[in-house]
């Protein structure tokens, strides 16, 4: 998108005057009484007491907003809600995914700490829209402090009648259960989350059947991310059209950008989608630390493809534009890397993570993540050869799209695109040898996992 003078402009419009709605600057907003004084739970009251807000109308308003999931897949939330079958006598469940284990991602933690009641209200409205019996709020196991914090506030909601039997004097009854996760990255995958919730080992399920047909304990289930659900009360309060008009046209709304790495002001920043990456790095986050040059950016958590500095000019933070640029929006967790970053060592850390976090169910992932780590480690330690680079790319091909869940893809993409976009750094660490021409390819054993 360009201005009339040819200068790239942000799809987010005048982001400097943006009004924060997910993390507004209100002291002690995490307390129920403060949240209520600032209009909290009025959206829930409206949908429960106004005859115009039947469950279908709530879902339609979310569809109108074009809210897309904030957990990484960017799937249309209202459409996902509509997949739930017709109401019958079976239990129906909502799982709120607060596992948040993607490296570079820490936005949901901010919401749970500073504005937990916006999440609870979003859960309750979603439960009403889909006639949900119970919501399980599945929180990352390492988030012990946040779990206790949320439990304290949830207890207040039960005492006040906002959760439980006949909420706000209506015939709507639903529950919220906070569940401490199993402390594994794989639990963030929606079907693994359900397996863990049932007390099983967190192995991803084969789909179909999809969760809306057969989810937790075999009953209809919808899974939404924390940030996704916090948008719901705002949509009810201000309207779907208001939400759809924020930020990028095809991927609208406010979003929490978690910016980390070599910037002067790392942190979580709320702004519209469609922000220029350069604005986020140089204005919002204060530029590169120490006055150094930018080398690369990982736009949405460690699993999405890295972009070189010369690839981000004019690129905005929305799903469509980032795909055109060669990456993805993911979770909006930006990893900013300066000119001194050793991309081989950076990739080594990432491959170690995915090797450690593979659940081991699928052979391409269980074995492939180990091969990736060992080969990248060998190159990083100066013991690799040029043939290893093509072998790594071939391993990525053998892993991508060949497993039950997307963890193998998440492990392969950083390897593929870091090598392709920074191949000179990898070649500089490799020993020139006959392996570059293919002669004597079997002379040296590849390290075993």
Protein backbone atom coordinates (compact mmCIF):
# COMPACT_ATOMS: atom_id res chain seq x y z
CA UNK A 1 0.00 0.00 0.00
CA UNK A 2 1.48 3.36 -1.00
CA UNK A 3 0.75 6.99 -0.40
CA UNK A 4 0.43 9.42 -3.34
CA UNK A 5 4.11 10.31 -3.04
CA UNK A 6 5.12 6.67 -3.46
CA UNK A 7 6.11 6.16 0.18
CA UNK A 8 4.87 2.88 1.73
CA UNK A 9 2.11 3.45 4.29
CA UNK A 10 0.59 1.26 6.97
CA UNK A 11 -2.78 -0.43 6.51
CA UNK A 12 -3.34 0.45 10.16
CA UNK A 13 -3.95 4.10 9.29
CA UNK A 14 -2.94 6.62 11.96
CA UNK A 15 -1.77 4.05 14.49
CA UNK A 16 -0.26 6.72 16.72
CA UNK A 17 -3.74 7.80 17.85
CA UNK A 18 -5.01 4.24 18.30
CA UNK A 19 -7.18 3.60 21.39
CA UNK A 20 -6.13 0.47 23.26
CA UNK A 21 -9.07 -1.84 23.94
CA UNK A 22 -7.49 -5.20 24.83
CA UNK A 23 -4.99 -3.75 27.30
CA UNK A 24 -6.41 -0.29 28.11
CA UNK A 25 -4.40 1.96 30.47
CA UNK A 26 -6.65 1.38 33.51
CA UNK A 27 -5.07 0.72 36.90
CA UNK A 28 -6.00 -2.58 38.59
CA UNK A 29 -8.21 -3.65 35.69
CA UNK A 30 -7.58 -7.25 36.69
CA UNK A 31 -9.86 -6.75 39.72
CA UNK A 32 -13.53 -7.55 39.18
CA UNK A 33 -14.82 -4.35 40.77
CA UNK A 34 -12.55 -2.18 38.58
CA UNK A 35 -13.51 -4.11 35.44
CA UNK A 36 -17.21 -3.62 36.24
CA UNK A 37 -16.75 0.13 36.80
CA UNK A 38 -15.29 0.32 33.31
CA UNK A 39 -18.26 -1.36 31.64
CA UNK A 40 -17.24 -4.94 32.29
CA UNK A 41 -19.82 -7.72 31.80
CA UNK A 42 -22.30 -5.31 30.20
CA UNK A 43 -21.81 -7.05 26.84
CA UNK A 44 -22.63 -10.37 28.49
CA UNK A 45 -25.67 -8.87 30.20
CA UNK A 46 -26.87 -7.53 26.87
CA UNK A 47 -26.70 -10.83 25.03
CA UNK A 48 -28.41 -12.67 27.89
CA UNK A 49 -31.25 -10.20 28.45
CA UNK A 50 -31.91 -8.62 25.05
CA UNK A 51 -34.21 -10.75 22.89
CA UNK A 52 -32.37 -9.60 19.75
CA UNK A 53 -29.27 -11.45 20.87
CA UNK A 54 -30.11 -15.09 20.40
CA UNK A 55 -27.11 -17.45 20.02
CA UNK A 56 -27.26 -17.32 16.24
CA UNK A 57 -27.19 -13.51 16.27
CA UNK A 58 -24.03 -13.51 18.40
CA UNK A 59 -22.29 -15.85 15.95
CA UNK A 60 -23.45 -13.73 13.01
CA UNK A 61 -22.01 -10.59 14.61
CA UNK A 62 -18.66 -12.32 15.10
CA UNK A 63 -18.78 -13.39 11.45
CA UNK A 64 -19.51 -9.79 10.42
CA UNK A 65 -16.45 -8.61 12.35
CA UNK A 66 -14.21 -10.97 10.35
CA UNK A 67 -12.37 -11.83 13.56
CA UNK A 68 -9.63 -14.31 12.72
CA UNK A 69 -7.96 -16.59 15.21
CA UNK A 70 -4.97 -15.11 17.03
CA UNK A 71 -3.36 -18.44 17.86
CA UNK A 72 -1.44 -18.68 14.58
CA UNK A 73 -3.73 -20.21 11.96
CA UNK A 74 -5.76 -17.00 11.37
CA UNK A 75 -8.96 -19.01 10.76
CA UNK A 76 -12.29 -17.15 10.74
CA UNK A 77 -13.68 -17.39 14.29
CA UNK A 78 -17.38 -16.98 13.47
CA UNK A 79 -17.11 -19.67 10.81
CA UNK A 80 -15.44 -22.02 13.30
CA UNK A 81 -18.28 -21.41 15.77
CA UNK A 82 -20.84 -22.29 13.10
CA UNK A 83 -19.30 -25.76 12.71
CA UNK A 84 -20.85 -26.82 16.03
CA UNK A 85 -23.77 -29.21 15.36
CA UNK A 86 -27.39 -28.50 16.19
CA UNK A 87 -28.13 -28.43 19.90
CA UNK A 88 -29.12 -31.81 21.32
CA UNK A 89 -28.91 -33.47 24.73
CA UNK A 90 -25.15 -34.05 24.55
CA UNK A 91 -22.64 -31.91 26.50
CA UNK A 92 -20.77 -29.32 24.42
CA UNK A 93 -17.39 -27.86 25.28
CA UNK A 94 -15.18 -24.86 24.62
CA UNK A 95 -11.44 -25.16 25.12
CA UNK A 96 -9.60 -21.89 25.55
CA UNK A 97 -6.02 -22.44 24.45
CA UNK A 98 -3.70 -20.60 26.84
CA UNK A 99 -0.80 -23.01 26.43
CA UNK A 100 1.36 -20.34 24.70
CA UNK A 101 4.61 -22.25 24.30
CA UNK A 102 5.80 -20.89 20.93
CA UNK A 103 9.23 -19.26 21.37
CA UNK A 104 8.90 -15.52 20.89
CA UNK A 105 5.24 -15.48 21.97
CA UNK A 106 4.09 -13.97 25.27
CA UNK A 107 0.92 -11.98 24.52
CA UNK A 108 -1.69 -14.22 26.16
CA UNK A 109 0.20 -13.99 29.44
CA UNK A 110 -0.30 -10.20 29.35
CA UNK A 111 -4.04 -10.56 28.91
CA UNK A 112 -4.36 -13.10 31.71
CA UNK A 113 -2.40 -10.85 34.06
CA UNK A 114 -3.78 -7.40 33.24
CA UNK A 115 -7.25 -8.00 31.82
CA UNK A 116 -8.44 -11.51 32.77
CA UNK A 117 -12.10 -10.53 33.01
CA UNK A 118 -12.18 -9.53 29.35
CA UNK A 119 -11.18 -13.14 28.66
CA UNK A 120 -13.78 -14.55 31.06
CA UNK A 121 -16.48 -12.38 29.50
CA UNK A 122 -15.45 -13.50 26.03
CA UNK A 123 -15.62 -17.13 27.14
CA UNK A 124 -19.10 -16.66 28.59
CA UNK A 125 -20.41 -14.99 25.43
CA UNK A 126 -18.88 -17.73 23.28
CA UNK A 127 -20.46 -20.35 25.55
CA UNK A 128 -23.83 -18.68 25.06
CA UNK A 129 -23.41 -18.46 21.28
CA UNK A 130 -22.62 -22.17 20.96
CA UNK A 131 -24.78 -23.46 23.86
CA UNK A 132 -21.63 -24.65 25.61
CA UNK A 133 -21.88 -26.68 28.81
CA UNK A 134 -18.36 -26.02 30.12
CA UNK A 135 -15.25 -24.12 29.04
CA UNK A 136 -11.87 -25.57 29.93
CA UNK A 137 -9.25 -22.84 30.14
CA UNK A 138 -6.08 -24.79 29.42
CA UNK A 139 -3.12 -22.76 30.73
CA UNK A 140 0.54 -23.50 30.10
CA UNK A 141 1.90 -25.53 33.02
CA UNK A 142 4.80 -23.14 33.65
CA UNK A 143 2.36 -20.24 34.20
CA UNK A 144 1.75 -21.11 37.86
CA UNK A 145 1.47 -17.50 39.03
CA UNK A 146 -1.01 -16.66 36.29
CA UNK A 147 -3.08 -19.75 37.03
CA UNK A 148 -3.45 -18.77 40.70
CA UNK A 149 -4.24 -15.19 39.68
CA UNK A 150 -6.97 -16.36 37.29
CA UNK A 151 -8.41 -18.78 39.84
CA UNK A 152 -8.82 -15.98 42.38
CA UNK A 153 -10.73 -13.83 39.92
CA UNK A 154 -12.83 -16.75 38.66
CA UNK A 155 -13.92 -17.52 42.23
CA UNK A 156 -15.29 -13.97 42.46
CA UNK A 157 -17.35 -14.57 39.32
CA UNK A 158 -18.95 -17.65 40.83
CA UNK A 159 -19.72 -15.76 44.02
CA UNK A 160 -21.38 -12.96 42.06
CA UNK A 161 -23.39 -15.25 39.81
CA UNK A 162 -21.61 -14.38 36.57
CA UNK A 163 -20.63 -18.05 36.11
CA UNK A 164 -22.54 -21.16 37.09
CA UNK A 165 -26.29 -21.65 37.48
CA UNK A 166 -28.79 -19.20 35.97
CA UNK A 167 -26.29 -16.48 35.16
CA UNK A 168 -27.56 -12.94 35.81
CA UNK A 169 -31.00 -14.31 36.65
CA UNK A 170 -31.49 -15.91 33.24
CA UNK A 171 -31.87 -19.56 32.29
CA UNK A 172 -28.32 -19.67 30.91
CA UNK A 173 -26.04 -22.00 32.87
CA UNK A 174 -22.38 -22.68 32.10
CA UNK A 175 -19.09 -23.33 33.87
CA UNK A 176 -15.44 -22.35 33.47
CA UNK A 177 -12.69 -24.70 34.66
CA UNK A 178 -9.04 -23.63 34.74
CA UNK A 179 -6.78 -26.57 33.90
CA UNK A 180 -3.01 -26.56 34.42
CA UNK A 181 -1.30 -27.82 31.28
CA UNK A 182 1.21 -30.63 30.97
CA UNK A 183 4.20 -28.38 30.32
CA UNK A 184 4.85 -29.39 26.70
CA UNK A 185 4.81 -27.39 23.46
CA UNK A 186 2.74 -30.07 21.73
CA UNK A 187 -0.16 -29.35 24.11
CA UNK A 188 -0.78 -26.14 22.19
CA UNK A 189 -1.94 -28.18 19.20
CA UNK A 190 -5.71 -28.32 19.56
CA UNK A 191 -6.21 -32.08 19.48
CA UNK A 192 -3.18 -32.69 21.73
CA UNK A 193 -4.70 -30.20 24.14
CA UNK A 194 -7.86 -32.28 24.26
CA UNK A 195 -5.92 -35.50 24.80
CA UNK A 196 -4.00 -33.88 27.66
CA UNK A 197 -7.22 -32.53 29.14
CA UNK A 198 -8.59 -36.08 29.18
CA UNK A 199 -5.56 -37.21 31.18
CA UNK A 200 -3.81 -38.92 28.29
CA UNK A 201 -0.43 -38.47 26.69
CA UNK A 202 -0.64 -35.42 24.42
CA UNK A 203 -0.54 -37.16 21.05
CA UNK A 204 -2.27 -35.23 18.24
CA UNK A 205 -5.39 -36.84 16.81
CA UNK A 206 -5.97 -37.69 13.18
CA UNK A 207 -8.60 -35.44 11.57
CA UNK A 208 -11.37 -36.03 10.57
CA UNK A 209 -13.31 -36.30 12.79
CA UNK A 210 -12.85 -32.64 13.68
CA UNK A 211 -13.30 -31.35 17.23
CA UNK A 212 -16.70 -29.79 16.45
CA UNK A 213 -17.99 -33.30 15.71
CA UNK A 214 -15.91 -35.33 18.16
CA UNK A 215 -13.83 -33.39 20.64
CA UNK A 216 -13.27 -33.67 24.39
CA UNK A 217 -14.55 -37.07 25.61
CA UNK A 218 -16.11 -37.54 22.18
CA UNK A 219 -18.45 -34.53 22.44
CA UNK A 220 -18.69 -31.42 20.22
CA UNK A 221 -15.86 -29.01 21.06
CA UNK A 222 -14.54 -25.68 19.81
CA UNK A 223 -10.99 -24.49 20.51
CA UNK A 224 -10.13 -20.77 20.54
CA UNK A 225 -7.03 -18.83 21.57
CA UNK A 226 -7.01 -16.41 24.54
CA UNK A 227 -6.56 -13.27 22.44
CA UNK A 228 -9.30 -14.40 20.06
CA UNK A 229 -11.87 -14.69 22.84
CA UNK A 230 -10.93 -11.35 24.40
CA UNK A 231 -12.08 -9.66 21.19
CA UNK A 232 -15.62 -11.02 21.51
CA UNK A 233 -17.02 -8.64 24.20
CA UNK A 234 -15.67 -5.70 22.20
CA UNK A 235 -17.46 -6.92 19.08
CA UNK A 236 -20.75 -7.22 20.96
CA UNK A 237 -20.30 -3.84 22.66
CA UNK A 238 -19.19 -1.83 19.62
CA UNK A 239 -20.42 -3.92 16.72
CA UNK A 240 -18.92 -6.15 14.07
CA UNK A 241 -18.62 -3.27 11.61
CA UNK A 242 -16.51 -1.29 14.09
CA UNK A 243 -14.15 -4.23 14.52
CA UNK A 244 -13.93 -4.95 10.78
CA UNK A 245 -12.91 -1.34 10.14
CA UNK A 246 -9.75 -1.60 12.29
CA UNK A 247 -6.48 -2.36 10.52
CA UNK A 248 -6.11 -4.59 7.47
CA UNK A 249 -9.27 -5.19 5.45
CA UNK A 250 -8.96 -8.97 5.15
CA UNK A 251 -7.39 -9.49 8.58
CA UNK A 252 -8.89 -6.78 10.80
CA UNK A 253 -8.94 -5.86 14.46
CA UNK A 254 -6.54 -4.99 17.25
CA UNK A 255 -3.63 -7.33 17.80
CA UNK A 256 -0.97 -7.77 20.47
CA UNK A 257 2.51 -7.63 18.96
CA UNK A 258 5.09 -9.32 21.15
CA UNK A 259 8.41 -7.78 20.09
CA UNK A 260 11.62 -9.32 21.38
CA UNK A 261 15.24 -9.60 20.39
CA UNK A 262 17.70 -6.83 19.58
CA UNK A 263 15.44 -3.80 20.04
CA UNK A 264 15.63 -0.96 22.54
CA UNK A 265 12.10 -1.43 23.91
CA UNK A 266 11.01 -5.08 23.80
CA UNK A 267 7.52 -5.83 25.04
CA UNK A 268 3.86 -6.40 24.16
CA UNK A 269 2.24 -3.60 22.16
CA UNK A 270 -1.41 -3.33 21.15
CA UNK A 271 -2.02 -1.80 17.73
CA UNK A 272 -4.17 -2.56 14.68
CA UNK A 273 -3.32 -5.31 12.23
CA UNK A 274 -1.69 -4.04 9.05
CA UNK A 275 1.11 -2.18 10.82
CA UNK A 276 4.29 -1.68 8.83
CA UNK A 277 6.98 -3.95 10.21
CA UNK A 278 9.41 -1.05 10.00
CA UNK A 279 7.11 1.13 12.13
CA UNK A 280 6.90 -1.58 14.78
CA UNK A 281 10.66 -2.06 14.87
CA UNK A 282 11.94 1.49 14.55
CA UNK A 283 9.18 3.55 16.16
CA UNK A 284 7.21 1.33 18.53
CA UNK A 285 10.17 -0.75 19.74
CA UNK A 286 12.69 2.09 19.56
CA UNK A 287 14.94 0.72 16.85
CA UNK A 288 17.84 -1.70 16.90
CA UNK A 289 19.80 -1.90 20.12
CA UNK A 290 23.21 -0.21 20.11
CA UNK A 291 22.52 1.61 16.84
CA UNK A 292 23.26 -1.50 14.82
CA UNK A 293 21.73 -2.55 11.51
CA UNK A 294 18.77 -4.88 11.18
CA UNK A 295 19.62 -8.29 9.78
CA UNK A 296 16.43 -10.36 9.94
CA UNK A 297 12.95 -10.62 11.43
CA UNK A 298 10.87 -13.65 12.35
CA UNK A 299 7.35 -12.12 12.20
CA UNK A 300 5.15 -14.51 14.14
CA UNK A 301 6.92 -16.87 16.50
CA UNK A 302 9.81 -19.26 15.90
CA UNK A 303 7.96 -21.56 13.49
CA UNK A 304 7.32 -19.03 10.71
CA UNK A 305 9.86 -18.33 7.94
CA UNK A 306 12.51 -15.70 8.66
CA UNK A 307 12.68 -12.57 6.50
CA UNK A 308 15.90 -10.76 5.62
CA UNK A 309 16.05 -7.04 6.34
CA UNK A 310 15.86 -6.26 2.63
CA UNK A 311 12.58 -8.22 2.38
CA UNK A 312 10.50 -6.22 4.88
CA UNK A 313 10.31 -2.77 3.29
CA UNK A 314 6.63 -1.92 2.85
CA UNK A 315 5.51 -5.24 4.41
CA UNK A 316 2.60 -5.00 6.83
CA UNK A 317 1.60 -7.28 9.68
CA UNK A 318 -1.41 -9.11 8.31
CA UNK A 319 -1.76 -12.65 7.06
CA UNK A 320 -2.18 -11.96 3.33
CA UNK A 321 0.68 -9.47 3.01
CA UNK A 322 3.10 -11.58 5.02
CA UNK A 323 2.33 -14.64 2.90
CA UNK A 324 3.11 -12.61 -0.21
CA UNK A 325 6.39 -11.56 1.43
CA UNK A 326 7.32 -15.18 2.13
CA UNK A 327 6.35 -15.66 5.76
CA UNK A 328 3.24 -15.78 7.99
CA UNK A 329 1.50 -13.75 10.68
CA UNK A 330 1.53 -16.60 13.18
CA UNK A 331 1.10 -15.32 16.73
CA UNK A 332 2.43 -11.82 16.01
CA UNK A 333 5.51 -12.54 18.13
CA UNK A 334 8.30 -10.69 16.30
CA UNK A 335 11.90 -11.83 16.80
CA UNK A 336 14.20 -8.99 15.72
CA UNK A 337 17.81 -9.89 14.90
CA UNK A 338 20.67 -7.42 14.45
CA UNK A 339 23.69 -7.49 12.13
CA UNK A 340 25.84 -9.44 14.59
CA UNK A 341 23.46 -12.41 14.80
CA UNK A 342 25.00 -15.72 13.80
CA UNK A 343 22.16 -17.26 11.82
CA UNK A 344 23.61 -20.76 12.08
CA UNK A 345 23.74 -20.57 15.87
CA UNK A 346 20.27 -19.00 15.89
CA UNK A 347 18.91 -21.90 13.86
CA UNK A 348 20.72 -24.38 16.11
CA UNK A 349 18.74 -23.10 19.12
CA UNK A 350 15.48 -23.45 17.21
CA UNK A 351 16.19 -26.98 16.00
CA UNK A 352 17.08 -28.01 19.55
CA UNK A 353 13.71 -26.73 20.76
CA UNK A 354 11.67 -28.65 18.18
CA UNK A 355 13.69 -31.82 18.65
CA UNK A 356 13.10 -31.61 22.41
CA UNK A 357 9.37 -30.84 22.01
CA UNK A 358 8.42 -33.42 19.38
CA UNK A 359 5.93 -35.82 20.96
CA UNK A 360 7.42 -38.73 19.04
CA UNK A 361 4.18 -40.09 17.60
CA UNK A 362 5.09 -39.64 13.92
CA UNK A 363 8.33 -41.04 12.50
CA UNK A 364 9.13 -38.09 10.16
CA UNK A 365 8.94 -35.70 13.12
CA UNK A 366 10.44 -37.95 15.79
CA UNK A 367 13.45 -38.83 13.65
CA UNK A 368 13.55 -35.75 11.45
CA UNK A 369 13.81 -33.19 14.23
CA UNK A 370 16.81 -35.09 15.61
CA UNK A 371 18.53 -35.17 12.22
CA UNK A 372 17.90 -31.44 11.79
CA UNK A 373 19.43 -30.58 15.16
CA UNK A 374 22.44 -32.81 14.73
CA UNK A 375 23.26 -31.60 11.23
CA UNK A 376 22.86 -27.92 12.12
CA UNK A 377 24.96 -28.49 15.25
CA UNK A 378 27.67 -30.11 13.18
CA UNK A 379 27.74 -27.15 10.81
CA UNK A 380 27.73 -24.65 13.67
CA UNK A 381 30.74 -26.37 15.24
CA UNK A 382 32.68 -26.18 11.98
CA UNK A 383 32.49 -29.90 11.27
CA UNK A 384 29.91 -29.84 8.51
CA UNK A 385 30.33 -29.92 4.76
CA UNK A 386 28.46 -28.34 1.87
CA UNK A 387 26.54 -31.52 1.14
CA UNK A 388 24.89 -31.19 4.57
CA UNK A 389 22.99 -28.10 3.43
CA UNK A 390 21.22 -29.92 0.64
CA UNK A 391 20.66 -32.88 2.92
CA UNK A 392 18.95 -30.57 5.42
CA UNK A 393 16.67 -29.21 2.71
CA UNK A 394 15.85 -32.74 1.60
CA UNK A 395 14.99 -33.66 5.20
CA UNK A 396 12.61 -30.69 5.34
CA UNK A 397 10.85 -31.99 2.23
CA UNK A 398 10.50 -35.43 3.81
CA UNK A 399 8.99 -33.90 6.98
CA UNK A 400 6.62 -31.25 5.63
CA UNK A 401 3.00 -32.35 5.40
CA UNK A 402 3.74 -35.96 6.38
CA UNK A 403 2.69 -35.99 10.04
CA UNK A 404 -0.53 -35.93 12.05
CA UNK A 405 -0.02 -32.35 13.25
CA UNK A 406 2.00 -29.37 12.03
CA UNK A 407 4.94 -29.64 14.44
CA UNK A 408 7.11 -31.21 11.75
CA UNK A 409 6.32 -28.28 9.46
CA UNK A 410 7.07 -25.86 12.31
CA UNK A 411 10.47 -27.51 12.73
CA UNK A 412 11.24 -27.71 9.01
CA UNK A 413 10.28 -24.19 7.92
CA UNK A 414 12.90 -22.35 10.02
CA UNK A 415 15.56 -24.71 8.65
CA UNK A 416 14.47 -24.42 5.02
CA UNK A 417 14.09 -20.65 4.90
CA UNK A 418 17.06 -19.76 7.09
CA UNK A 419 19.34 -21.82 4.84
CA UNK A 420 17.78 -20.47 1.64
CA UNK A 421 17.92 -16.84 2.79
CA UNK A 422 21.27 -16.94 4.58
CA UNK A 423 23.04 -19.72 2.72
CA UNK A 424 26.32 -17.81 2.57
CA UNK A 425 26.62 -17.96 6.37
CA UNK A 426 26.07 -21.70 6.39
CA UNK A 427 28.56 -22.24 3.57
CA UNK A 428 31.13 -20.14 5.42
CA UNK A 429 30.98 -22.58 8.35
CA UNK A 430 31.21 -25.67 6.14
CA UNK A 431 34.47 -27.28 5.14
CA UNK A 432 34.98 -27.24 1.35
CA UNK A 433 35.16 -30.86 0.32
CA UNK A 434 34.34 -33.40 -2.31
CA UNK A 435 30.84 -33.60 -0.87
CA UNK A 436 29.96 -30.35 -2.65
CA UNK A 437 30.18 -32.19 -5.99
CA UNK A 438 28.61 -35.41 -4.77
CA UNK A 439 31.83 -37.47 -5.07
CA UNK A 440 32.35 -39.88 -2.24
CA UNK A 441 28.95 -39.11 -0.74
CA UNK A 442 29.03 -42.14 1.49
CA UNK A 443 32.51 -41.54 2.87
CA UNK A 444 31.34 -39.77 6.02
CA UNK A 445 28.57 -40.96 8.28
CA UNK A 446 25.77 -38.60 9.21
CA UNK A 447 25.49 -38.30 12.98
CA UNK A 448 22.78 -40.47 14.47
CA UNK A 449 20.00 -39.11 16.64
